[in-house]
Amino acid sequence: MAQSIAHPVISPADAGTPVTPLPLRAVLPWAVFVGTLMLVLLYFVGAEQGATSVFSGAGVHEWVHDGRHLLGFPCH
């Protein structure tokens, strides 16, 4: 059975609408924020235990334990 790929229908009114690009000044602060958030999350999932621990105890380790194994980080 051959299946065809349906192409989106573009109405004549939409064909002449110009696409406005996003300026870098609008995207850059959000990209920096998301990048920083991802690095903090990566630290807590991947390195928050032992000598580099920011918080004492095993609370953070227990909260991210399953995520560590899912992402392939060894923890014990």
N, C-alpha and C. Protein backbone atom coordinates (compact mmCIF):
# COMPACT_ATOMS: atom_id res chain seq x y z
N MET A 1 0.83 -1.19 0.00
CA MET A 1 0.00 0.00 0.00
C MET A 1 0.88 1.25 0.00
N ALA A 2 0.74 2.01 -0.99
CA ALA A 2 1.47 3.26 -1.08
C ALA A 2 0.65 4.37 -0.43
N GLN A 3 1.32 5.14 0.40
CA GLN A 3 0.65 6.27 1.04
C GLN A 3 1.26 7.55 0.50
N SER A 4 0.42 8.52 0.28
CA SER A 4 0.93 9.80 -0.20
C SER A 4 1.05 10.77 0.97
N ILE A 5 1.97 11.67 0.82
CA ILE A 5 2.17 12.69 1.85
C ILE A 5 1.31 13.89 1.46
N ALA A 6 0.48 14.29 2.39
CA ALA A 6 -0.41 15.43 2.12
C ALA A 6 0.37 16.72 2.32
N HIS A 7 0.28 17.60 1.35
CA HIS A 7 0.92 18.90 1.45
C HIS A 7 -0.07 19.90 2.05
N PRO A 8 0.44 20.81 2.88
CA PRO A 8 -0.47 21.79 3.46
C PRO A 8 -1.07 22.70 2.39
N VAL A 9 -2.29 23.04 2.57
CA VAL A 9 -2.98 23.91 1.62
C VAL A 9 -2.70 25.36 2.00
N ILE A 10 -2.19 26.11 1.03
CA ILE A 10 -1.91 27.52 1.26
C ILE A 10 -2.94 28.32 0.50
N SER A 11 -3.67 29.12 1.22
CA SER A 11 -4.68 29.94 0.56
C SER A 11 -4.00 31.11 -0.15
N PRO A 12 -4.63 31.68 -1.15
CA PRO A 12 -4.04 32.82 -1.86
C PRO A 12 -3.77 34.01 -0.94
N ALA A 13 -4.55 34.16 0.12
CA ALA A 13 -4.34 35.28 1.03
C ALA A 13 -3.05 35.11 1.82
N ASP A 14 -2.68 33.85 2.14
CA ASP A 14 -1.47 33.59 2.91
C ASP A 14 -0.21 33.61 2.05
N ALA A 15 -0.35 33.44 0.76
CA ALA A 15 0.80 33.33 -0.13
C ALA A 15 1.60 34.63 -0.18
N GLY A 16 0.97 35.77 -0.04
CA GLY A 16 1.67 37.05 -0.13
C GLY A 16 2.12 37.59 1.21
N THR A 17 1.86 36.90 2.30
CA THR A 17 2.22 37.39 3.62
C THR A 17 3.71 37.19 3.86
N PRO A 18 4.46 38.26 4.07
CA PRO A 18 5.90 38.10 4.31
C PRO A 18 6.17 37.53 5.71
N VAL A 19 7.22 36.75 5.82
CA VAL A 19 7.63 36.19 7.11
C VAL A 19 8.63 37.15 7.72
N THR A 20 8.35 37.61 8.92
CA THR A 20 9.23 38.55 9.61
C THR A 20 10.24 37.77 10.44
N PRO A 21 11.54 37.92 10.18
CA PRO A 21 12.54 37.20 10.98
C PRO A 21 12.66 37.80 12.38
N LEU A 22 13.00 36.96 13.33
CA LEU A 22 13.23 37.44 14.69
C LEU A 22 14.61 38.05 14.79
N PRO A 23 14.72 39.24 15.37
CA PRO A 23 16.04 39.83 15.53
C PRO A 23 16.83 39.10 16.63
N LEU A 24 18.14 39.08 16.48
CA LEU A 24 19.01 38.40 17.44
C LEU A 24 18.87 39.00 18.84
N ARG A 25 18.63 40.29 18.93
CA ARG A 25 18.46 40.93 20.24
C ARG A 25 17.27 40.40 21.01
N ALA A 26 16.25 39.90 20.31
CA ALA A 26 15.07 39.35 20.98
C ALA A 26 15.30 37.91 21.41
N VAL A 27 16.13 37.19 20.69
CA VAL A 27 16.34 35.77 20.97
C VAL A 27 17.49 35.54 21.95
N LEU A 28 18.51 36.36 21.90
CA LEU A 28 19.73 36.14 22.69
C LEU A 28 19.49 36.05 24.19
N PRO A 29 18.72 36.94 24.83
CA PRO A 29 18.52 36.79 26.29
C PRO A 29 17.84 35.47 26.65
N TRP A 30 16.89 35.04 25.84
CA TRP A 30 16.21 33.77 26.13
C TRP A 30 17.15 32.59 25.91
N ALA A 31 18.00 32.66 24.92
CA ALA A 31 18.96 31.59 24.67
C ALA A 31 19.97 31.47 25.81
N VAL A 32 20.42 32.61 26.33
CA VAL A 32 21.35 32.60 27.47
C VAL A 32 20.65 32.04 28.71
N PHE A 33 19.42 32.45 28.94
CA PHE A 33 18.66 31.97 30.10
C PHE A 33 18.45 30.46 30.03
N VAL A 34 18.00 29.96 28.89
CA VAL A 34 17.75 28.52 28.74
C VAL A 34 19.06 27.75 28.83
N GLY A 35 20.13 28.26 28.24
CA GLY A 35 21.44 27.60 28.33
C GLY A 35 21.94 27.51 29.76
N THR A 36 21.80 28.58 30.52
CA THR A 36 22.21 28.58 31.92
C THR A 36 21.37 27.62 32.73
N LEU A 37 20.07 27.61 32.49
CA LEU A 37 19.18 26.69 33.19
C LEU A 37 19.55 25.24 32.89
N MET A 38 19.88 24.94 31.65
CA MET A 38 20.27 23.58 31.28
C MET A 38 21.58 23.17 31.94
N LEU A 39 22.54 24.10 32.05
CA LEU A 39 23.81 23.78 32.72
C LEU A 39 23.61 23.53 34.21
N VAL A 40 22.75 24.30 34.85
CA VAL A 40 22.45 24.07 36.26
C VAL A 40 21.77 22.72 36.45
N LEU A 41 20.83 22.41 35.58
CA LEU A 41 20.15 21.12 35.65
C LEU A 41 21.13 19.98 35.41
N LEU A 42 22.02 20.13 34.45
CA LEU A 42 23.03 19.11 34.19
C LEU A 42 23.94 18.91 35.39
N TYR A 43 24.30 20.00 36.08
CA TYR A 43 25.13 19.87 37.28
C TYR A 43 24.40 19.07 38.35
N PHE A 44 23.15 19.43 38.61
CA PHE A 44 22.43 18.75 39.69
C PHE A 44 22.17 17.29 39.36
N VAL A 45 21.93 16.97 38.11
CA VAL A 45 21.69 15.57 37.76
C VAL A 45 23.01 14.81 37.68
N GLY A 46 24.06 15.42 37.17
CA GLY A 46 25.28 14.69 36.91
C GLY A 46 26.36 14.77 37.94
N ALA A 47 26.43 15.81 38.76
CA ALA A 47 27.60 15.98 39.62
C ALA A 47 27.28 16.33 41.07
N GLU A 48 26.05 16.47 41.44
CA GLU A 48 25.70 16.92 42.80
C GLU A 48 25.79 15.75 43.78
N GLN A 49 27.00 15.42 44.14
CA GLN A 49 27.25 14.45 45.21
C GLN A 49 28.75 14.43 45.45
N GLY A 50 29.14 13.99 46.59
CA GLY A 50 30.57 13.83 46.88
C GLY A 50 31.29 15.14 47.10
N ALA A 51 32.50 15.25 46.54
CA ALA A 51 33.37 16.39 46.78
C ALA A 51 32.84 17.68 46.20
N THR A 52 32.06 17.62 45.13
CA THR A 52 31.55 18.84 44.50
C THR A 52 30.15 19.21 44.98
N SER A 53 29.72 18.62 46.06
CA SER A 53 28.35 18.82 46.55
C SER A 53 28.13 20.24 47.06
N VAL A 54 27.06 20.88 46.62
CA VAL A 54 26.69 22.21 47.10
C VAL A 54 25.85 22.09 48.35
N PHE A 55 24.94 21.11 48.38
CA PHE A 55 24.07 20.88 49.53
C PHE A 55 24.51 19.64 50.27
N SER A 56 24.52 19.70 51.59
CA SER A 56 24.90 18.52 52.36
C SER A 56 23.75 17.53 52.41
N GLY A 57 24.08 16.28 52.64
CA GLY A 57 23.06 15.25 52.70
C GLY A 57 22.82 14.63 51.34
N ALA A 58 21.84 13.73 51.30
CA ALA A 58 21.56 12.99 50.07
C ALA A 58 20.21 13.39 49.47
N GLY A 59 19.64 14.50 49.86
CA GLY A 59 18.32 14.91 49.37
C GLY A 59 18.28 15.14 47.87
N VAL A 60 19.24 15.90 47.36
CA VAL A 60 19.27 16.18 45.92
C VAL A 60 19.53 14.88 45.15
N HIS A 61 20.42 14.05 45.68
CA HIS A 61 20.72 12.78 45.02
C HIS A 61 19.47 11.91 44.90
N GLU A 62 18.68 11.87 45.95
CA GLU A 62 17.46 11.05 45.92
C GLU A 62 16.43 11.60 44.94
N TRP A 63 16.36 12.92 44.80
CA TRP A 63 15.39 13.52 43.88
C TRP A 63 15.76 13.28 42.42
N VAL A 64 17.05 13.23 42.10
CA VAL A 64 17.47 13.08 40.70
C VAL A 64 18.02 11.69 40.41
N HIS A 65 17.86 10.75 41.34
CA HIS A 65 18.46 9.42 41.20
C HIS A 65 18.01 8.70 39.92
N ASP A 66 16.74 8.64 39.66
CA ASP A 66 16.25 7.93 38.47
C ASP A 66 16.67 8.65 37.19
N GLY A 67 16.70 9.97 37.24
CA GLY A 67 17.15 10.73 36.08
C GLY A 67 18.62 10.48 35.77
N ARG A 68 19.42 10.28 36.80
CA ARG A 68 20.84 9.97 36.60
C ARG A 68 20.98 8.68 35.81
N HIS A 69 20.25 7.66 36.22
CA HIS A 69 20.34 6.37 35.52
C HIS A 69 19.78 6.47 34.11
N LEU A 70 18.70 7.23 33.94
CA LEU A 70 18.10 7.40 32.62
C LEU A 70 19.07 8.06 31.65
N LEU A 71 19.84 9.04 32.13
CA LEU A 71 20.78 9.76 31.29
C LEU A 71 22.16 9.10 31.22
N GLY A 72 22.36 8.01 31.96
CA GLY A 72 23.61 7.27 31.89
C GLY A 72 24.70 7.73 32.83
N PHE A 73 24.35 8.53 33.84
CA PHE A 73 25.34 8.94 34.83
C PHE A 73 25.47 7.87 35.89
N PRO A 74 26.69 7.45 36.22
CA PRO A 74 26.85 6.48 37.31
C PRO A 74 26.69 7.18 38.65
N CYS A 75 26.10 6.48 39.61
CA CYS A 75 25.97 7.11 40.93
C CYS A 75 26.24 6.15 42.07
N HIS A 76 26.36 4.87 41.82
CA HIS A 76 26.73 3.94 42.90
C HIS A 76 27.21 2.65 42.35
